[in-house]
Amino acid sequence: MKLCRFGAPGAEMPALVDRDGRLRDLSGVRPDIGPRELSPEGLAALAAIDPATLPLVEGEPRLGVPFAGMSKFICIGLNYSDHAAEAGMAVPSEPIIFLKAPSALSGPDDPIIQPPHSTRLDWEVELGVVIGTTARYVDEDDALAYVAGYCVVNDVSERAFQMQSSQWDKGKGCDTFGPVGPFLVTKDEVPDPQNLDMRLDVNGRRMQSGNTRTMIFGVREIVAYCSRYMTLLPGDIIATGTPPGVGMGMKPEPVWLRPGDVVELEIAGLGRQRQEITAHR
């Protein structure tokens, strides 16, 4: 099942995608896609709805973040060994956890706003893991039972801000630095989250190409690990790291995003994003 939300920012309505790839309006039967809907019981109730009974969504509406009610936007750093190498950093012995501000969330095709004084704006295609059941001190073998589904994340980064101290959050949490979507794809449609092709283009040029099988720490380990240090709540998202090909690692010199640039990214089966870089006003 593919779930999404459409409409103006702050006024999104819930929808699901039918077998023909068309959006069907869920607002007549559900007020939103939030933590309640992400639970196993909530997802089962949504799966029981016949999409043909729902109104079609006409046109090409703006898509928002495909679920509401997130309390934490958790990220895992340097989770691909070849990305750690291009960043000039050691391969971590344990997952590196940092947080994006919830206010960084934006729709999959919303503009990325370059903040004032930004000089090193960068991209990162990542697999997002969406929590559906409260998870606290969970075992790795059971970790996927707490997952509602998966989505595409662009972990937009301002490297000059990020590297000003040992704490990365400042360069990760600016407004629009967390595009998520277009869909929340439930885990029954993703039998192996460790075998998903990923790619990212800038202005039509392929920059990143990878597969989640090369993660250092897989989804099960990441969910279990994070649950040791913070309670994971329904609607929380974990961005699981990026493969090589970020702007910071380009040779012979880094490549940074500028206003007018277009970033397009995709993960197999989870959908595509497209963002244009705009200057802060």
Protein backbone atom coordinates (compact mmCIF):
# COMPACT_ATOMS: atom_id res chain seq x y z
CA MET A 1 0.00 0.00 0.00
CA LYS A 2 1.21 3.47 -0.90
CA LEU A 3 -0.06 6.30 1.28
CA CYS A 4 0.40 10.01 0.71
CA ARG A 5 -1.00 13.45 1.58
CA PHE A 6 -1.88 16.18 -0.88
CA GLY A 7 -2.79 19.85 -0.78
CA ALA A 8 -1.37 23.15 0.39
CA PRO A 9 1.26 23.18 3.16
CA GLY A 10 -0.44 22.80 6.51
CA ALA A 11 -3.73 21.75 4.91
CA GLU A 12 -2.81 18.37 3.41
CA MET A 13 -5.45 15.64 3.03
CA PRO A 14 -4.84 11.89 3.15
CA ALA A 15 -4.80 9.69 0.06
CA LEU A 16 -3.75 6.28 -1.14
CA VAL A 17 -2.50 5.13 -4.51
CA ASP A 18 -4.66 2.65 -6.44
CA ARG A 19 -3.40 -0.16 -8.67
CA ASP A 20 -3.30 2.18 -11.67
CA GLY A 21 -1.11 4.72 -9.86
CA ARG A 22 -3.94 7.22 -9.32
CA LEU A 23 -4.49 9.11 -6.09
CA ARG A 24 -7.66 8.31 -4.17
CA ASP A 25 -8.94 10.76 -1.56
CA LEU A 26 -9.14 9.23 1.92
CA SER A 27 -10.44 12.32 3.69
CA GLY A 28 -14.02 11.05 3.68
CA VAL A 29 -13.07 8.05 5.82
CA ARG A 30 -9.92 9.18 7.64
CA PRO A 31 -9.04 12.68 8.88
CA ASP A 32 -5.32 12.19 8.21
CA ILE A 33 -2.50 9.66 8.05
CA GLY A 34 -1.03 9.98 11.51
CA PRO A 35 0.32 7.80 14.31
CA ARG A 36 -3.01 6.01 14.76
CA GLU A 37 -3.15 5.06 11.09
CA LEU A 38 0.48 3.88 11.14
CA SER A 39 -0.16 1.24 13.79
CA PRO A 40 -0.66 -2.36 12.63
CA GLU A 41 -4.38 -2.04 13.33
CA GLY A 42 -4.60 1.27 11.51
CA LEU A 43 -2.75 -0.01 8.46
CA ALA A 44 -4.94 -3.12 8.37
CA ALA A 45 -8.05 -0.93 8.38
CA LEU A 46 -6.68 1.18 5.51
CA ALA A 47 -5.76 -1.94 3.55
CA ALA A 48 -9.35 -3.17 3.87
CA ILE A 49 -10.70 -0.11 2.03
CA ASP A 50 -11.54 -0.68 -1.62
CA PRO A 51 -9.78 2.17 -3.48
CA ALA A 52 -12.51 2.11 -6.13
CA THR A 53 -14.96 3.44 -3.51
CA LEU A 54 -12.82 6.55 -2.94
CA PRO A 55 -12.96 9.74 -5.03
CA LEU A 56 -10.18 10.28 -7.55
CA VAL A 57 -7.87 13.20 -6.90
CA GLU A 58 -7.93 15.26 -10.07
CA GLY A 59 -4.97 17.05 -11.64
CA GLU A 60 -1.47 17.08 -10.22
CA PRO A 61 -1.75 18.42 -6.68
CA ARG A 62 1.18 19.27 -4.47
CA LEU A 63 2.25 16.30 -2.36
CA GLY A 64 3.23 16.84 1.24
CA VAL A 65 5.04 14.65 3.75
CA PRO A 66 3.08 11.37 3.45
CA PHE A 67 2.26 11.11 7.15
CA ALA A 68 1.71 13.46 10.08
CA GLY A 69 2.53 13.41 13.76
CA MET A 70 6.29 12.87 13.72
CA SER A 71 7.98 13.59 17.05
CA LYS A 72 11.56 12.82 15.99
CA PHE A 73 13.53 13.05 12.74
CA ILE A 74 16.48 10.75 13.42
CA CYS A 75 19.44 10.41 11.06
CA ILE A 76 22.30 7.93 10.83
CA GLY A 77 25.64 9.32 9.68
CA LEU A 78 28.37 7.64 7.63
CA ASN A 79 26.41 4.43 7.20
CA TYR A 80 28.03 3.49 3.87
CA SER A 81 31.76 2.79 4.04
CA ASP A 82 32.47 4.38 0.65
CA HIS A 83 30.66 7.55 1.74
CA ALA A 84 32.76 7.66 4.93
CA ALA A 85 35.85 7.37 2.74
CA GLU A 86 34.84 10.25 0.46
CA ALA A 87 34.13 12.36 3.56
CA GLY A 88 37.59 11.57 4.91
CA MET A 89 36.16 10.01 8.07
CA ALA A 90 36.66 6.66 9.75
CA VAL A 91 34.10 3.89 9.30
CA PRO A 92 32.05 3.98 12.52
CA SER A 93 32.04 1.05 14.91
CA GLU A 94 28.49 1.93 16.03
CA PRO A 95 25.71 3.89 14.30
CA ILE A 96 26.23 7.66 14.46
CA ILE A 97 22.97 9.32 15.53
CA PHE A 98 22.04 12.94 14.95
CA LEU A 99 18.70 14.75 14.68
CA LYS A 100 17.08 17.02 12.16
CA ALA A 101 14.63 19.62 13.45
CA PRO A 102 11.00 18.62 12.76
CA SER A 103 10.61 22.04 11.13
CA ALA A 104 13.00 20.85 8.39
CA LEU A 105 10.26 18.60 7.01
CA SER A 106 8.98 19.45 3.54
CA GLY A 107 7.15 17.81 0.69
CA PRO A 108 9.02 15.73 -1.88
CA ASP A 109 8.82 18.35 -4.63
CA ASP A 110 8.89 21.52 -2.53
CA PRO A 111 11.76 23.96 -3.16
CA ILE A 112 14.91 23.70 -1.06
CA ILE A 113 15.59 27.14 0.36
CA GLN A 114 19.26 28.06 0.62
CA PRO A 115 19.56 29.84 3.98
CA PRO A 116 21.40 33.13 4.49
CA HIS A 117 25.21 32.81 4.58
CA SER A 118 25.04 29.29 3.09
CA THR A 119 28.02 28.49 0.85
CA ARG A 120 28.19 24.66 0.84
CA LEU A 121 24.73 23.26 0.20
CA ASP A 122 24.75 19.50 -0.41
CA TRP A 123 22.45 16.55 -1.14
CA GLU A 124 22.03 13.01 0.26
CA VAL A 125 19.54 10.39 -0.97
CA GLU A 126 18.51 8.13 1.90
CA LEU A 127 16.10 5.37 2.80
CA GLY A 128 13.63 6.57 5.42
CA VAL A 129 12.21 4.09 7.96
CA VAL A 130 8.86 5.11 9.47
CA ILE A 131 7.95 3.76 12.90
CA GLY A 132 4.43 2.38 13.41
CA THR A 133 4.58 0.93 16.93
CA THR A 134 6.20 2.34 20.06
CA ALA A 135 9.68 0.82 20.30
CA ARG A 136 11.78 0.75 23.45
CA TYR A 137 14.77 -1.58 23.99
CA VAL A 138 13.71 -3.85 21.13
CA ASP A 139 15.68 -6.85 19.93
CA GLU A 140 17.24 -6.75 16.49
CA ASP A 141 15.38 -9.90 15.44
CA ASP A 142 12.06 -8.22 16.22
CA ALA A 143 12.90 -4.72 14.98
CA LEU A 144 10.98 -4.78 11.71
CA ALA A 145 7.76 -5.52 13.60
CA TYR A 146 7.88 -1.91 14.79
CA VAL A 147 8.18 -0.47 11.28
CA ALA A 148 5.15 0.86 9.39
CA GLY A 149 6.93 1.38 6.09
CA TYR A 150 9.57 3.17 4.06
CA CYS A 151 10.02 6.38 2.10
CA VAL A 152 12.54 8.49 0.21
CA VAL A 153 14.44 11.16 2.18
CA ASN A 154 16.80 13.86 0.97
CA ASP A 155 19.08 14.66 3.90
CA VAL A 156 19.90 18.17 2.67
CA SER A 157 23.02 19.49 4.38
CA GLU A 158 24.85 22.80 4.69
CA ARG A 159 28.41 21.57 5.13
CA ALA A 160 29.88 24.88 6.30
CA PHE A 161 27.31 25.00 9.11
CA GLN A 162 27.67 21.27 9.80
CA MET A 163 31.44 21.31 10.20
CA GLN A 164 31.64 24.38 12.44
CA SER A 165 31.56 22.07 15.46
CA SER A 166 31.42 18.40 16.40
CA GLN A 167 27.61 18.64 16.49
CA TRP A 168 26.12 18.30 13.01
CA ASP A 169 22.53 19.37 13.75
CA LYS A 170 22.98 23.02 12.79
CA GLY A 171 23.87 22.09 9.23
CA LYS A 172 21.11 19.52 8.94
CA GLY A 173 18.01 21.12 10.43
CA CYS A 174 17.37 24.28 8.41
CA ASP A 175 13.90 24.83 6.97
CA THR A 176 13.22 22.62 3.88
CA PHE A 177 16.28 20.43 4.61
CA GLY A 178 14.10 17.33 5.07
CA PRO A 179 12.08 16.46 1.95
CA VAL A 180 10.16 13.22 2.63
CA GLY A 181 7.97 11.21 0.27
CA PRO A 182 6.21 11.13 -2.12
CA PHE A 183 4.78 7.98 -0.53
CA LEU A 184 4.87 5.97 2.62
CA VAL A 185 5.17 2.45 1.22
CA THR A 186 4.05 -0.13 3.76
CA LYS A 187 6.54 -2.82 4.65
CA ASP A 188 4.49 -5.61 3.06
CA GLU A 189 5.47 -4.08 -0.32
CA VAL A 190 9.16 -3.94 0.64
CA PRO A 191 10.11 -7.53 1.44
CA ASP A 192 13.83 -6.70 1.73
CA PRO A 193 14.78 -3.15 2.72
CA GLN A 194 18.44 -4.17 2.23
CA ASN A 195 18.09 -4.52 -1.52
CA LEU A 196 16.81 -1.19 -2.84
CA ASP A 197 18.49 0.71 -5.65
CA MET A 198 19.02 4.44 -5.02
CA ARG A 199 20.00 7.29 -7.29
CA LEU A 200 20.29 11.09 -7.26
CA ASP A 201 20.81 13.54 -10.15
CA VAL A 202 21.71 17.24 -10.10
CA ASN A 203 20.74 19.17 -13.23
CA GLY A 204 20.38 15.87 -15.07
CA ARG A 205 23.83 14.59 -14.10
CA ARG A 206 23.99 11.37 -12.09
CA MET A 207 25.74 12.04 -8.79
CA GLN A 208 24.72 9.15 -6.54
CA SER A 209 24.00 5.55 -7.42
CA GLY A 210 23.88 2.84 -4.81
CA ASN A 211 21.95 0.09 -3.08
CA THR A 212 20.88 -0.29 0.52
CA ARG A 213 22.64 -3.68 0.71
CA THR A 214 25.94 -1.82 1.21
CA MET A 215 24.84 -0.21 4.46
CA ILE A 216 27.24 -0.77 7.33
CA PHE A 217 24.32 -1.09 9.77
CA GLY A 218 21.09 -2.47 8.32
CA VAL A 219 17.54 -1.39 9.10
CA ARG A 220 16.99 -4.02 11.81
CA GLU A 221 20.16 -3.04 13.64
CA ILE A 222 19.45 0.68 13.32
CA VAL A 223 15.91 0.44 14.72
CA ALA A 224 17.05 -1.74 17.62
CA TYR A 225 20.05 0.50 18.32
CA CYS A 226 18.07 3.75 18.33
CA SER A 227 15.44 2.22 20.62
CA ARG A 228 18.11 1.74 23.30
CA TYR A 229 18.66 5.47 23.62
CA MET A 230 15.26 7.01 22.88
CA THR A 231 11.71 5.72 22.69
CA LEU A 232 10.64 5.53 19.07
CA LEU A 233 7.04 6.64 18.61
CA PRO A 234 4.61 6.06 15.75
CA GLY A 235 5.34 8.63 13.06
CA ASP A 236 9.02 8.96 13.90
CA ILE A 237 11.35 8.63 10.94
CA ILE A 238 14.91 7.34 10.72
CA ALA A 239 17.01 8.36 7.71
CA THR A 240 19.52 5.56 7.33
CA GLY A 241 22.50 7.19 5.61
CA THR A 242 23.63 7.89 2.08
CA PRO A 243 25.80 6.14 -0.52
CA PRO A 244 28.81 7.91 -2.07
CA GLY A 245 28.48 10.77 -4.52
CA VAL A 246 27.66 13.77 -2.34
CA GLY A 247 28.88 17.18 -3.42
CA MET A 248 31.39 17.39 -0.58
CA GLY A 249 33.22 14.35 -1.93
CA MET A 250 33.48 15.37 -5.58
CA LYS A 251 36.94 15.41 -7.19
CA PRO A 252 39.00 17.37 -8.06
CA GLU A 253 36.93 19.81 -5.99
CA PRO A 254 33.56 19.81 -4.22
CA VAL A 255 30.33 20.70 -6.02
CA TRP A 256 27.76 22.79 -4.14
CA LEU A 257 24.12 23.48 -4.92
CA ARG A 258 23.12 26.97 -6.07
CA PRO A 259 19.77 28.67 -6.70
CA GLY A 260 18.27 27.36 -9.93
CA ASP A 261 19.81 23.89 -9.58
CA VAL A 262 17.41 20.93 -9.73
CA VAL A 263 17.85 17.81 -7.61
CA GLU A 264 16.02 14.60 -8.56
CA LEU A 265 16.22 11.43 -6.48
CA GLU A 266 14.59 8.03 -6.38
CA ILE A 267 14.57 4.74 -4.49
CA ALA A 268 13.22 1.70 -6.32
CA GLY A 269 9.57 1.10 -5.45
CA LEU A 270 9.34 4.11 -3.14
CA GLY A 271 8.90 6.94 -5.65
CA ARG A 272 10.74 10.03 -6.82
CA GLN A 273 11.47 13.52 -5.56
CA ARG A 274 12.31 16.71 -7.45
CA GLN A 275 13.45 19.94 -5.81
CA GLU A 276 14.63 23.26 -7.18
CA ILE A 277 17.07 25.29 -5.11
CA THR A 278 15.81 28.78 -4.31
CA ALA A 279 17.46 31.67 -2.49
CA HIS A 280 16.23 32.79 0.90
CA ARG A 281 14.06 35.89 0.77
